[in-house]
Amino acid sequence: MSGSASAYYNVNGGVGSFGSSASLDFAASAELNNGWTATTSFSATSTGLNGTATWGANGNVALTDGTSTLAFGGFDNGAAYGAVGAALNDHQSAGFTEDEFSGFSGSSVLGGANIAVSTDGTNTELGASMALGAADVSFGYVVGGAFGLGLSTSMGGADISFQTVDGTAWGLGVGYTVGSVALGFNTGDAGTWDITADYSADPLSVGVVYQSTGAFDVTLGYAMGAVSTSVTFNSPANTWEASVSYAEGALSVDASTNSAGDMALEGSYDLGGGAVVYAGMVTGATADNYAGVEYDLGNGASVALSYSQTGAADNAKEYMAGTTLAVSFDF
């Protein structure tokens, strides 16, 4: 069993509020006499604000013998997605989607092929994958719905991937590396394509993407010692982003700006003894000025005092708007 808990008191605009959250994770297993192993896991979470609590729970039970698994509970995706995956690239018009569901999932290795089935009582999916010589082949089918095929292999030094869904939507990717340069070509049934080139040799990195529409992106990166920089240019929008970072000893600083005029300066300083100070000044769409000190109490416990002018979620620390005192524990 393991878990975590946290609580806070926040004052914003003269109004105070309390909040808390907790999670518990349980896991157990048992060796059966017939070579199978039974496992179960369960998670429970609670969030509360000013005395009102909301509970949520999920879990699963499974049997496995090392080559076959039977499981009941909640899963991240079905058998078809698990075998074939999502659309191969942005030029493919359709692909399987990753959908969480509750129900049954089973898999087994048969003749070198991994066969899987899943169902939530309404939708049933099948999946299979195996190696055929130098190629990896996968198959996915949603009963009464879409089917898909996937293929990946290496040929003449090039890595080739192909996928089709329902025989109409398809994507193709080809990659080839020459020295420090990685080249790529991607296309699909949408009738568009892109060419990529990435060069990496410390301390310099360069990335270029050219699309069939004539648009292109260029990214330059440079890292040496405590300093790293990055610049990205996008055409035909003619927008750009630039950043520089410094990290040495107790001090860490990040600065960034872009063609829209947004700017950010954020950093931290380790005071030692478990205490770290954070501060930032951000302008633009996620404008905020914030500061905080966090203290590691050891053994998974910590306390933090912070202030954020706006509570903008995109800033590095994501502090709540106003002044907040928070404690958290892991156990």
C-alpha atoms as a PDB file:
ATOM      1  CA  MET A   1       0.000   0.000   0.000  1.00  0.00           C
ATOM      2  CA  SER A   2       1.224   3.495  -0.800  1.00  0.00           C
ATOM      3  CA  GLY A   3      -0.294   6.915  -1.184  1.00  0.00           C
ATOM      4  CA  SER A   4      -0.072  10.660  -0.807  1.00  0.00           C
ATOM      5  CA  ALA A   5      -1.982  13.483   0.844  1.00  0.00           C
ATOM      6  CA  SER A   6      -1.886  17.261   0.652  1.00  0.00           C
ATOM      7  CA  ALA A   7      -3.724  20.232   2.123  1.00  0.00           C
ATOM      8  CA  TYR A   8      -3.595  23.982   1.618  1.00  0.00           C
ATOM      9  CA  TYR A   9      -4.960  27.306   2.815  1.00  0.00           C
ATOM     10  CA  ASN A  10      -5.262  30.005   0.157  1.00  0.00           C
ATOM     11  CA  VAL A  11      -6.121  33.704   0.442  1.00  0.00           C
ATOM     12  CA  ASN A  12      -7.022  35.523  -2.780  1.00  0.00           C
ATOM     13  CA  GLY A  13      -8.709  38.902  -2.908  1.00  0.00           C
ATOM     14  CA  GLY A  14      -9.365  38.786   0.819  1.00  0.00           C
ATOM     15  CA  VAL A  15     -11.230  35.465   0.597  1.00  0.00           C
ATOM     16  CA  GLY A  16      -9.742  32.414   2.311  1.00  0.00           C
ATOM     17  CA  SER A  17     -10.343  28.786   1.358  1.00  0.00           C
ATOM     18  CA  PHE A  18      -9.146  25.353   2.399  1.00  0.00           C
ATOM     19  CA  GLY A  19      -8.502  22.390   0.110  1.00  0.00           C
ATOM     20  CA  SER A  20      -7.186  18.858   0.401  1.00  0.00           C
ATOM     21  CA  SER A  21      -6.550  15.761  -1.662  1.00  0.00           C
ATOM     22  CA  ALA A  22      -5.505  12.203  -0.930  1.00  0.00           C
ATOM     23  CA  SER A  23      -4.823   9.032  -2.858  1.00  0.00           C
ATOM     24  CA  LEU A  24      -4.316   5.420  -1.801  1.00  0.00           C
ATOM     25  CA  ASP A  25      -2.855   2.671  -3.996  1.00  0.00           C
ATOM     26  CA  PHE A  26      -3.241  -0.999  -3.062  1.00  0.00           C
ATOM     27  CA  ALA A  27      -1.567  -3.964  -4.763  1.00  0.00           C
ATOM     28  CA  ALA A  28      -1.497  -7.693  -3.951  1.00  0.00           C
ATOM     29  CA  SER A  29      -0.481 -10.928  -5.666  1.00  0.00           C
ATOM     30  CA  ALA A  30      -0.591 -14.656  -4.968  1.00  0.00           C
ATOM     31  CA  GLU A  31       1.089 -17.644  -6.626  1.00  0.00           C
ATOM     32  CA  LEU A  32      -1.461 -20.319  -7.527  1.00  0.00           C
ATOM     33  CA  ASN A  33      -0.729 -24.072  -7.545  1.00  0.00           C
ATOM     34  CA  ASN A  34      -1.207 -24.395 -11.331  1.00  0.00           C
ATOM     35  CA  GLY A  35       1.578 -21.974 -12.338  1.00  0.00           C
ATOM     36  CA  TRP A  36      -0.689 -18.950 -12.626  1.00  0.00           C
ATOM     37  CA  THR A  37      -0.345 -15.760 -10.605  1.00  0.00           C
ATOM     38  CA  ALA A  38      -3.322 -13.749  -9.382  1.00  0.00           C
ATOM     39  CA  THR A  39      -2.818  -9.987  -9.011  1.00  0.00           C
ATOM     40  CA  THR A  40      -5.033  -7.085  -8.065  1.00  0.00           C
ATOM     41  CA  SER A  41      -4.525  -3.353  -7.783  1.00  0.00           C
ATOM     42  CA  PHE A  42      -6.828  -0.623  -6.594  1.00  0.00           C
ATOM     43  CA  SER A  43      -6.572   3.160  -6.408  1.00  0.00           C
ATOM     44  CA  ALA A  44      -8.796   5.540  -4.479  1.00  0.00           C
ATOM     45  CA  THR A  45      -8.620   9.334  -4.641  1.00  0.00           C
ATOM     46  CA  SER A  46     -10.346  12.105  -2.740  1.00  0.00           C
ATOM     47  CA  THR A  47     -10.409  15.843  -3.321  1.00  0.00           C
ATOM     48  CA  GLY A  48     -12.072  18.314  -0.985  1.00  0.00           C
ATOM     49  CA  LEU A  49     -12.684  22.034  -0.718  1.00  0.00           C
ATOM     50  CA  ASN A  50     -14.089  23.704   2.404  1.00  0.00           C
ATOM     51  CA  GLY A  51     -15.520  20.467   3.760  1.00  0.00           C
ATOM     52  CA  THR A  52     -16.928  19.031   0.520  1.00  0.00           C
ATOM     53  CA  ALA A  53     -15.207  15.821  -0.619  1.00  0.00           C
ATOM     54  CA  THR A  54     -15.363  13.922  -3.913  1.00  0.00           C
ATOM     55  CA  TRP A  55     -14.224  10.301  -4.111  1.00  0.00           C
ATOM     56  CA  GLY A  56     -13.138   8.306  -7.125  1.00  0.00           C
ATOM     57  CA  ALA A  57     -11.855   4.753  -7.462  1.00  0.00           C
ATOM     58  CA  ASN A  58     -10.601   2.288 -10.067  1.00  0.00           C
ATOM     59  CA  GLY A  59      -8.902  -1.088 -10.020  1.00  0.00           C
ATOM     60  CA  ASN A  60      -8.380  -4.410 -11.755  1.00  0.00           C
ATOM     61  CA  VAL A  61      -7.947  -8.140 -11.157  1.00  0.00           C
ATOM     62  CA  ALA A  62      -5.733 -10.305 -13.384  1.00  0.00           C
ATOM     63  CA  LEU A  63      -4.456 -13.848 -13.860  1.00  0.00           C
ATOM     64  CA  THR A  64      -1.201 -14.555 -15.714  1.00  0.00           C
ATOM     65  CA  ASP A  65       1.127 -17.482 -16.355  1.00  0.00           C
ATOM     66  CA  GLY A  66       3.871 -15.478 -18.084  1.00  0.00           C
ATOM     67  CA  THR A  67       2.584 -15.960 -21.644  1.00  0.00           C
ATOM     68  CA  SER A  68      -1.165 -15.382 -21.193  1.00  0.00           C
ATOM     69  CA  THR A  69      -3.072 -12.781 -19.204  1.00  0.00           C
ATOM     70  CA  LEU A  70      -6.757 -12.463 -18.318  1.00  0.00           C
ATOM     71  CA  ALA A  71      -7.729  -9.169 -16.691  1.00  0.00           C
ATOM     72  CA  PHE A  72     -10.864  -7.387 -15.521  1.00  0.00           C
ATOM     73  CA  GLY A  73     -11.010  -3.694 -14.628  1.00  0.00           C
ATOM     74  CA  GLY A  74      -9.968  -0.356 -16.124  1.00  0.00           C
ATOM     75  CA  PHE A  75      -7.561  -0.086 -19.078  1.00  0.00           C
ATOM     76  CA  ASP A  76      -5.848   2.700 -21.026  1.00  0.00           C
ATOM     77  CA  ASN A  77      -6.782   1.360 -24.479  1.00  0.00           C
ATOM     78  CA  GLY A  78      -8.349  -1.532 -26.346  1.00  0.00           C
ATOM     79  CA  ALA A  79      -6.686  -4.395 -28.203  1.00  0.00           C
ATOM     80  CA  ALA A  80      -6.806  -2.739 -31.662  1.00  0.00           C
ATOM     81  CA  TYR A  81      -5.038   0.420 -30.519  1.00  0.00           C
ATOM     82  CA  GLY A  82      -2.623  -1.645 -28.433  1.00  0.00           C
ATOM     83  CA  ALA A  83      -1.528  -3.563 -31.540  1.00  0.00           C
ATOM     84  CA  VAL A  84      -1.552  -0.947 -34.319  1.00  0.00           C
ATOM     85  CA  GLY A  85      -1.410   2.377 -32.434  1.00  0.00           C
ATOM     86  CA  ALA A  86      -2.642   5.816 -33.484  1.00  0.00           C
ATOM     87  CA  ALA A  87      -2.375   7.383 -36.933  1.00  0.00           C
ATOM     88  CA  LEU A  88       1.185   7.026 -38.217  1.00  0.00           C
ATOM     89  CA  ASN A  89       1.576  10.769 -38.948  1.00  0.00           C
ATOM     90  CA  ASP A  90      -0.327  14.012 -39.492  1.00  0.00           C
ATOM     91  CA  HIS A  91      -0.813  13.161 -43.184  1.00  0.00           C
ATOM     92  CA  GLN A  92      -2.984  10.119 -42.368  1.00  0.00           C
ATOM     93  CA  SER A  93      -6.695  11.004 -42.253  1.00  0.00           C
ATOM     94  CA  ALA A  94      -7.803   8.359 -39.709  1.00  0.00           C
ATOM     95  CA  GLY A  95      -6.343   5.984 -37.157  1.00  0.00           C
ATOM     96  CA  PHE A  96      -7.240   4.128 -34.001  1.00  0.00           C
ATOM     97  CA  THR A  97      -7.724   6.274 -30.892  1.00  0.00           C
ATOM     98  CA  GLU A  98      -6.578   5.635 -27.340  1.00  0.00           C
ATOM     99  CA  ASP A  99      -9.723   5.296 -25.218  1.00  0.00           C
ATOM    100  CA  GLU A 100      -9.911   4.364 -21.559  1.00  0.00           C
ATOM    101  CA  PHE A 101     -12.561   1.729 -20.847  1.00  0.00           C
ATOM    102  CA  SER A 102     -13.702  -0.698 -18.153  1.00  0.00           C
ATOM    103  CA  GLY A 103     -14.237  -4.352 -18.950  1.00  0.00           C
ATOM    104  CA  PHE A 104     -12.175  -7.391 -19.949  1.00  0.00           C
ATOM    105  CA  SER A 105      -8.770  -7.695 -21.606  1.00  0.00           C
ATOM    106  CA  GLY A 106      -6.962 -10.896 -22.529  1.00  0.00           C
ATOM    107  CA  SER A 107      -3.717 -11.653 -24.345  1.00  0.00           C
ATOM    108  CA  SER A 108      -1.608 -14.699 -25.174  1.00  0.00           C
ATOM    109  CA  VAL A 109       1.524 -15.573 -27.135  1.00  0.00           C
ATOM    110  CA  LEU A 110       0.685 -18.196 -29.770  1.00  0.00           C
ATOM    111  CA  GLY A 111       3.225 -19.389 -32.334  1.00  0.00           C
ATOM    112  CA  GLY A 112       5.324 -16.249 -31.899  1.00  0.00           C
ATOM    113  CA  ALA A 113       2.331 -13.936 -32.284  1.00  0.00           C
ATOM    114  CA  ASN A 114       0.901 -11.808 -29.491  1.00  0.00           C
ATOM    115  CA  ILE A 115      -2.900 -12.135 -29.702  1.00  0.00           C
ATOM    116  CA  ALA A 116      -5.159  -9.802 -27.699  1.00  0.00           C
ATOM    117  CA  VAL A 117      -8.885  -9.228 -27.206  1.00  0.00           C
ATOM    118  CA  SER A 118     -10.750  -6.583 -25.217  1.00  0.00           C
ATOM    119  CA  THR A 119     -14.374  -5.657 -24.592  1.00  0.00           C
ATOM    120  CA  ASP A 120     -16.389  -3.254 -22.490  1.00  0.00           C
ATOM    121  CA  GLY A 121     -19.598  -5.222 -23.046  1.00  0.00           C
ATOM    122  CA  THR A 122     -20.541  -3.089 -26.035  1.00  0.00           C
ATOM    123  CA  ASN A 123     -17.401  -2.735 -28.154  1.00  0.00           C
ATOM    124  CA  THR A 124     -15.091  -5.670 -28.818  1.00  0.00           C
ATOM    125  CA  GLU A 125     -11.590  -5.304 -30.267  1.00  0.00           C
ATOM    126  CA  LEU A 126      -9.010  -7.775 -31.561  1.00  0.00           C
ATOM    127  CA  GLY A 127      -5.286  -7.206 -31.944  1.00  0.00           C
ATOM    128  CA  ALA A 128      -2.291  -9.213 -33.115  1.00  0.00           C
ATOM    129  CA  SER A 129       1.387  -8.497 -33.653  1.00  0.00           C
ATOM    130  CA  MET A 130       4.376 -10.591 -34.621  1.00  0.00           C
ATOM    131  CA  ALA A 131       7.802 -10.517 -36.258  1.00  0.00           C
ATOM    132  CA  LEU A 132       8.026 -11.943 -39.782  1.00  0.00           C
ATOM    133  CA  GLY A 133      11.692 -12.070 -40.680  1.00  0.00           C
ATOM    134  CA  ALA A 134      13.014  -8.528 -40.654  1.00  0.00           C
ATOM    135  CA  ALA A 135       9.524  -6.989 -40.492  1.00  0.00           C
ATOM    136  CA  ASP A 136       7.176  -6.337 -37.571  1.00  0.00           C
ATOM    137  CA  VAL A 137       3.527  -6.772 -38.550  1.00  0.00           C
ATOM    138  CA  SER A 138       0.455  -5.771 -36.558  1.00  0.00           C
ATOM    139  CA  PHE A 139      -3.315  -6.132 -37.050  1.00  0.00           C
ATOM    140  CA  GLY A 140      -6.228  -4.468 -35.267  1.00  0.00           C
ATOM    141  CA  TYR A 141      -9.979  -4.871 -35.669  1.00  0.00           C
ATOM    142  CA  VAL A 142     -12.957  -3.268 -33.947  1.00  0.00           C
ATOM    143  CA  VAL A 143     -15.775  -5.797 -34.376  1.00  0.00           C
ATOM    144  CA  GLY A 144     -18.357  -4.214 -36.636  1.00  0.00           C
ATOM    145  CA  GLY A 145     -16.070  -1.248 -37.244  1.00  0.00           C
ATOM    146  CA  ALA A 146     -12.574  -0.298 -38.405  1.00  0.00           C
ATOM    147  CA  PHE A 147      -9.669  -2.610 -39.153  1.00  0.00           C
ATOM    148  CA  GLY A 148      -6.030  -1.659 -39.466  1.00  0.00           C
ATOM    149  CA  LEU A 149      -2.665  -3.041 -40.543  1.00  0.00           C
ATOM    150  CA  GLY A 150       0.797  -1.877 -39.533  1.00  0.00           C
ATOM    151  CA  LEU A 151       4.240  -2.748 -40.925  1.00  0.00           C
ATOM    152  CA  SER A 152       7.729  -1.649 -39.950  1.00  0.00           C
ATOM    153  CA  THR A 153      11.042  -2.839 -41.348  1.00  0.00           C
ATOM    154  CA  SER A 154      14.561  -1.775 -42.304  1.00  0.00           C
ATOM    155  CA  MET A 155      15.764  -1.874 -45.900  1.00  0.00           C
ATOM    156  CA  GLY A 156      19.015  -0.613 -47.359  1.00  0.00           C
ATOM    157  CA  GLY A 157      19.779   1.285 -44.163  1.00  0.00           C
ATOM    158  CA  ALA A 158      16.372   3.009 -44.149  1.00  0.00           C
ATOM    159  CA  ASP A 159      13.700   2.515 -41.481  1.00  0.00           C
ATOM    160  CA  ILE A 160      10.252   2.167 -43.076  1.00  0.00           C
ATOM    161  CA  SER A 161       6.860   2.288 -41.354  1.00  0.00           C
ATOM    162  CA  PHE A 162       3.455   1.875 -43.006  1.00  0.00           C
ATOM    163  CA  GLN A 163      -0.075   1.836 -41.635  1.00  0.00           C
ATOM    164  CA  THR A 164      -3.534   1.617 -43.141  1.00  0.00           C
ATOM    165  CA  VAL A 165      -6.995   1.815 -41.559  1.00  0.00           C
ATOM    166  CA  ASP A 166      -9.982   0.450 -43.473  1.00  0.00           C
ATOM    167  CA  GLY A 167      -7.764   0.232 -46.561  1.00  0.00           C
ATOM    168  CA  THR A 168      -8.308   3.904 -47.393  1.00  0.00           C
ATOM    169  CA  ALA A 169      -6.573   5.936 -44.693  1.00  0.00           C
ATOM    170  CA  TRP A 170      -2.841   5.301 -44.765  1.00  0.00           C
ATOM    171  CA  GLY A 171       0.458   6.760 -43.631  1.00  0.00           C
ATOM    172  CA  LEU A 172       4.057   6.165 -44.666  1.00  0.00           C
ATOM    173  CA  GLY A 173       7.245   7.171 -42.872  1.00  0.00           C
ATOM    174  CA  VAL A 174      10.833   6.689 -44.049  1.00  0.00           C
ATOM    175  CA  GLY A 175      13.907   7.531 -42.000  1.00  0.00           C
ATOM    176  CA  TYR A 176      17.580   7.416 -42.959  1.00  0.00           C
ATOM    177  CA  THR A 177      20.648   8.433 -40.964  1.00  0.00           C
ATOM    178  CA  VAL A 178      23.883   9.645 -42.548  1.00  0.00           C
ATOM    179  CA  GLY A 179      26.570  10.433 -40.001  1.00  0.00           C
ATOM    180  CA  SER A 180      25.190  13.111 -37.672  1.00  0.00           C
ATOM    181  CA  VAL A 181      22.185  13.858 -39.901  1.00  0.00           C
ATOM    182  CA  ALA A 182      18.830  12.082 -39.559  1.00  0.00           C
ATOM    183  CA  LEU A 183      16.597  12.451 -42.637  1.00  0.00           C
ATOM    184  CA  GLY A 184      12.875  11.703 -42.760  1.00  0.00           C
ATOM    185  CA  PHE A 185      10.004  11.637 -45.220  1.00  0.00           C
ATOM    186  CA  ASN A 186       6.340  11.368 -44.171  1.00  0.00           C
ATOM    187  CA  THR A 187       3.190  11.239 -46.277  1.00  0.00           C
ATOM    188  CA  GLY A 188      -0.326   9.806 -46.265  1.00  0.00           C
ATOM    189  CA  ASP A 189      -3.736   9.591 -47.894  1.00  0.00           C
ATOM    190  CA  ALA A 190      -4.414  13.283 -47.168  1.00  0.00           C
ATOM    191  CA  GLY A 191      -2.135  14.006 -50.135  1.00  0.00           C
ATOM    192  CA  THR A 192       0.370  16.047 -48.136  1.00  0.00           C
ATOM    193  CA  TRP A 193       3.960  15.314 -47.101  1.00  0.00           C
ATOM    194  CA  ASP A 194       6.900  16.673 -45.167  1.00  0.00           C
ATOM    195  CA  ILE A 195      10.674  16.288 -45.229  1.00  0.00           C
ATOM    196  CA  THR A 196      12.694  16.510 -42.015  1.00  0.00           C
ATOM    197  CA  ALA A 197      16.403  16.868 -41.356  1.00  0.00           C
ATOM    198  CA  ASP A 198      18.012  16.851 -37.917  1.00  0.00           C
ATOM    199  CA  TYR A 199      21.678  17.476 -37.248  1.00  0.00           C
ATOM    200  CA  SER A 200      23.182  16.866 -33.829  1.00  0.00           C
ATOM    201  CA  ALA A 201      26.846  17.175 -32.882  1.00  0.00           C
ATOM    202  CA  ASP A 202      27.592  18.699 -29.497  1.00  0.00           C
ATOM    203  CA  PRO A 203      27.246  21.525 -28.780  1.00  0.00           C
ATOM    204  CA  LEU A 204      25.109  22.344 -31.861  1.00  0.00           C
ATOM    205  CA  SER A 205      21.781  20.935 -33.036  1.00  0.00           C
ATOM    206  CA  VAL A 206      19.742  21.961 -36.084  1.00  0.00           C
ATOM    207  CA  GLY A 207      16.291  20.804 -37.127  1.00  0.00           C
ATOM    208  CA  VAL A 208      14.407  21.582 -40.357  1.00  0.00           C
ATOM    209  CA  VAL A 209      10.866  20.598 -41.392  1.00  0.00           C
ATOM    210  CA  TYR A 210       9.665  21.396 -44.917  1.00  0.00           C
ATOM    211  CA  GLN A 211       6.022  20.738 -45.834  1.00  0.00           C
ATOM    212  CA  SER A 212       4.282  20.200 -49.162  1.00  0.00           C
ATOM    213  CA  THR A 213       2.405  23.489 -48.608  1.00  0.00           C
ATOM    214  CA  GLY A 214       5.730  25.353 -48.753  1.00  0.00           C
ATOM    215  CA  ALA A 215       5.734  26.077 -45.012  1.00  0.00           C
ATOM    216  CA  PHE A 216       8.877  25.274 -43.063  1.00  0.00           C
ATOM    217  CA  ASP A 217      10.242  25.343 -39.495  1.00  0.00           C
ATOM    218  CA  VAL A 218      13.865  25.782 -38.473  1.00  0.00           C
ATOM    219  CA  THR A 219      15.148  25.121 -34.951  1.00  0.00           C
ATOM    220  CA  LEU A 220      18.661  25.919 -33.729  1.00  0.00           C
ATOM    221  CA  GLY A 221      20.011  24.736 -30.394  1.00  0.00           C
ATOM    222  CA  TYR A 222      23.330  25.290 -28.659  1.00  0.00           C
ATOM    223  CA  ALA A 223      24.394  23.873 -25.309  1.00  0.00           C
ATOM    224  CA  MET A 224      27.763  24.196 -23.618  1.00  0.00           C
ATOM    225  CA  GLY A 225      28.497  23.967 -19.940  1.00  0.00           C
ATOM    226  CA  ALA A 226      25.870  25.696 -17.829  1.00  0.00           C
ATOM    227  CA  VAL A 227      24.272  27.579 -20.753  1.00  0.00           C
ATOM    228  CA  SER A 228      21.842  26.313 -23.392  1.00  0.00           C
ATOM    229  CA  THR A 229      19.961  28.291 -26.033  1.00  0.00           C
ATOM    230  CA  SER A 230      17.233  27.564 -28.568  1.00  0.00           C
ATOM    231  CA  VAL A 231      15.688  29.527 -31.462  1.00  0.00           C
ATOM    232  CA  THR A 232      12.741  28.404 -33.624  1.00  0.00           C
ATOM    233  CA  PHE A 233      11.502  30.158 -36.789  1.00  0.00           C
ATOM    234  CA  ASN A 234       8.225  29.322 -38.543  1.00  0.00           C
ATOM    235  CA  SER A 235       7.328  30.307 -42.128  1.00  0.00           C
ATOM    236  CA  PRO A 236       5.122  31.596 -43.761  1.00  0.00           C
ATOM    237  CA  ALA A 237       3.718  32.938 -40.470  1.00  0.00           C
ATOM    238  CA  ASN A 238       7.175  34.451 -39.822  1.00  0.00           C
ATOM    239  CA  THR A 239       6.872  33.775 -36.091  1.00  0.00           C
ATOM    240  CA  TRP A 240       9.766  32.901 -33.832  1.00  0.00           C
ATOM    241  CA  GLU A 241      10.603  31.824 -30.304  1.00  0.00           C
ATOM    242  CA  ALA A 242      13.894  32.116 -28.421  1.00  0.00           C
ATOM    243  CA  SER A 243      15.065  30.895 -25.023  1.00  0.00           C
ATOM    244  CA  VAL A 244      18.222  30.713 -22.944  1.00  0.00           C
ATOM    245  CA  SER A 245      18.808  28.642 -19.795  1.00  0.00           C
ATOM    246  CA  TYR A 246      21.518  28.730 -17.154  1.00  0.00           C
ATOM    247  CA  ALA A 247      22.021  26.057 -14.493  1.00  0.00           C
ATOM    248  CA  GLU A 248      25.094  26.017 -12.293  1.00  0.00           C
ATOM    249  CA  GLY A 249      25.291  24.923  -8.674  1.00  0.00           C
ATOM    250  CA  ALA A 250      22.370  26.255  -6.634  1.00  0.00           C
ATOM    251  CA  LEU A 251      21.138  28.675  -9.316  1.00  0.00           C
ATOM    252  CA  SER A 252      18.854  27.911 -12.270  1.00  0.00           C
ATOM    253  CA  VAL A 253      17.452  30.601 -14.613  1.00  0.00           C
ATOM    254  CA  ASP A 254      15.278  30.381 -17.750  1.00  0.00           C
ATOM    255  CA  ALA A 255      14.487  33.330 -20.034  1.00  0.00           C
ATOM    256  CA  SER A 256      12.318  33.283 -23.152  1.00  0.00           C
ATOM    257  CA  THR A 257      10.595  35.579 -25.630  1.00  0.00           C
ATOM    258  CA  ASN A 258       8.724  35.347 -28.943  1.00  0.00           C
ATOM    259  CA  SER A 259       7.561  37.365 -31.923  1.00  0.00           C
ATOM    260  CA  ALA A 260       4.258  38.184 -30.165  1.00  0.00           C
ATOM    261  CA  GLY A 261       6.165  40.111 -27.514  1.00  0.00           C
ATOM    262  CA  ASP A 262       5.653  37.609 -24.696  1.00  0.00           C
ATOM    263  CA  MET A 263       8.551  37.428 -22.260  1.00  0.00           C
ATOM    264  CA  ALA A 264       9.369  35.271 -19.248  1.00  0.00           C
ATOM    265  CA  LEU A 265      12.131  35.219 -16.664  1.00  0.00           C
ATOM    266  CA  GLU A 266      11.870  32.327 -14.217  1.00  0.00           C
ATOM    267  CA  GLY A 267      14.362  30.715 -11.875  1.00  0.00           C
ATOM    268  CA  SER A 268      15.183  28.968  -8.634  1.00  0.00           C
ATOM    269  CA  TYR A 269      17.865  29.028  -5.962  1.00  0.00           C
ATOM    270  CA  ASP A 270      18.677  26.125  -3.644  1.00  0.00           C
ATOM    271  CA  LEU A 271      19.244  27.539  -0.148  1.00  0.00           C
ATOM    272  CA  GLY A 272      20.438  24.186   1.154  1.00  0.00           C
ATOM    273  CA  GLY A 273      18.975  22.073   3.909  1.00  0.00           C
ATOM    274  CA  GLY A 274      15.974  21.170   1.757  1.00  0.00           C
ATOM    275  CA  ALA A 275      14.796  24.750   1.060  1.00  0.00           C
ATOM    276  CA  VAL A 276      14.432  26.075  -2.515  1.00  0.00           C
ATOM    277  CA  VAL A 277      13.250  29.543  -3.559  1.00  0.00           C
ATOM    278  CA  TYR A 278      11.333  30.019  -6.838  1.00  0.00           C
ATOM    279  CA  ALA A 279      10.407  33.277  -8.614  1.00  0.00           C
ATOM    280  CA  GLY A 280       9.163  34.396 -12.005  1.00  0.00           C
ATOM    281  CA  MET A 281       8.011  37.371 -14.061  1.00  0.00           C
ATOM    282  CA  VAL A 282       5.887  36.539 -17.124  1.00  0.00           C
ATOM    283  CA  THR A 283       4.149  38.840 -19.617  1.00  0.00           C
ATOM    284  CA  GLY A 284       1.678  38.089 -22.392  1.00  0.00           C
ATOM    285  CA  ALA A 285      -1.246  35.660 -22.493  1.00  0.00           C
ATOM    286  CA  THR A 286      -0.150  33.896 -19.285  1.00  0.00           C
ATOM    287  CA  ALA A 287       1.092  37.005 -17.469  1.00  0.00           C
ATOM    288  CA  ASP A 288       2.054  36.489 -13.838  1.00  0.00           C
ATOM    289  CA  ASN A 289       4.479  37.523 -11.123  1.00  0.00           C
ATOM    290  CA  TYR A 290       5.083  34.811  -8.560  1.00  0.00           C
ATOM    291  CA  ALA A 291       7.418  33.736  -5.787  1.00  0.00           C
ATOM    292  CA  GLY A 292       7.568  30.818  -3.405  1.00  0.00           C
ATOM    293  CA  VAL A 293       9.723  28.847  -1.034  1.00  0.00           C
ATOM    294  CA  GLU A 294       9.442  25.080  -0.731  1.00  0.00           C
ATOM    295  CA  TYR A 295      10.988  23.063   2.055  1.00  0.00           C
ATOM    296  CA  ASP A 296      11.625  19.323   1.889  1.00  0.00           C
ATOM    297  CA  LEU A 297      10.990  17.877   5.360  1.00  0.00           C
ATOM    298  CA  GLY A 298      12.316  14.448   4.371  1.00  0.00           C
ATOM    299  CA  ASN A 299      10.599  11.048   4.116  1.00  0.00           C
ATOM    300  CA  GLY A 300       8.186  12.327   1.465  1.00  0.00           C
ATOM    301  CA  ALA A 301       6.931  15.360   3.390  1.00  0.00           C
ATOM    302  CA  SER A 302       7.172  18.985   2.249  1.00  0.00           C
ATOM    303  CA  VAL A 303       5.750  22.421   3.024  1.00  0.00           C
ATOM    304  CA  ALA A 304       5.444  25.412   0.659  1.00  0.00           C
ATOM    305  CA  LEU A 305       4.549  29.079   0.945  1.00  0.00           C
ATOM    306  CA  SER A 306       3.792  30.848  -2.329  1.00  0.00           C
ATOM    307  CA  TYR A 307       2.325  33.966  -3.910  1.00  0.00           C
ATOM    308  CA  SER A 308       1.012  34.311  -7.468  1.00  0.00           C
ATOM    309  CA  GLN A 309      -0.538  37.429  -8.955  1.00  0.00           C
ATOM    310  CA  THR A 310      -2.779  35.619 -11.460  1.00  0.00           C
ATOM    311  CA  GLY A 311      -2.287  31.852 -11.003  1.00  0.00           C
ATOM    312  CA  ALA A 312      -1.581  31.403 -14.731  1.00  0.00           C
ATOM    313  CA  ALA A 313      -1.433  27.640 -15.333  1.00  0.00           C
ATOM    314  CA  ASP A 314       1.274  27.754 -18.031  1.00  0.00           C
ATOM    315  CA  ASN A 315       3.956  29.228 -15.788  1.00  0.00           C
ATOM    316  CA  ALA A 316       6.719  27.022 -14.465  1.00  0.00           C
ATOM    317  CA  LYS A 317       5.410  26.484 -10.905  1.00  0.00           C
ATOM    318  CA  GLU A 318       1.645  26.789 -11.498  1.00  0.00           C
ATOM    319  CA  TYR A 319       1.054  28.366  -8.084  1.00  0.00           C
ATOM    320  CA  MET A 320      -2.534  29.233  -7.120  1.00  0.00           C
ATOM    321  CA  ALA A 321      -3.555  32.885  -7.412  1.00  0.00           C
ATOM    322  CA  GLY A 322      -3.064  34.698  -4.117  1.00  0.00           C
ATOM    323  CA  THR A 323      -1.092  33.525  -1.084  1.00  0.00           C
ATOM    324  CA  THR A 324      -1.012  29.813  -0.339  1.00  0.00           C
ATOM    325  CA  LEU A 325       0.379  27.684   2.472  1.00  0.00           C
ATOM    326  CA  ALA A 326       0.478  23.993   1.546  1.00  0.00           C
ATOM    327  CA  VAL A 327       1.725  20.719   3.012  1.00  0.00           C
ATOM    328  CA  SER A 328       2.076  17.331   1.316  1.00  0.00           C
ATOM    329  CA  PHE A 329       3.071  13.805   2.326  1.00  0.00           C
ATOM    330  CA  ASP A 330       3.997  10.572   0.562  1.00  0.00           C
ATOM    331  CA  PHE A 331       3.767   7.283   2.410  1.00  0.00           C
END
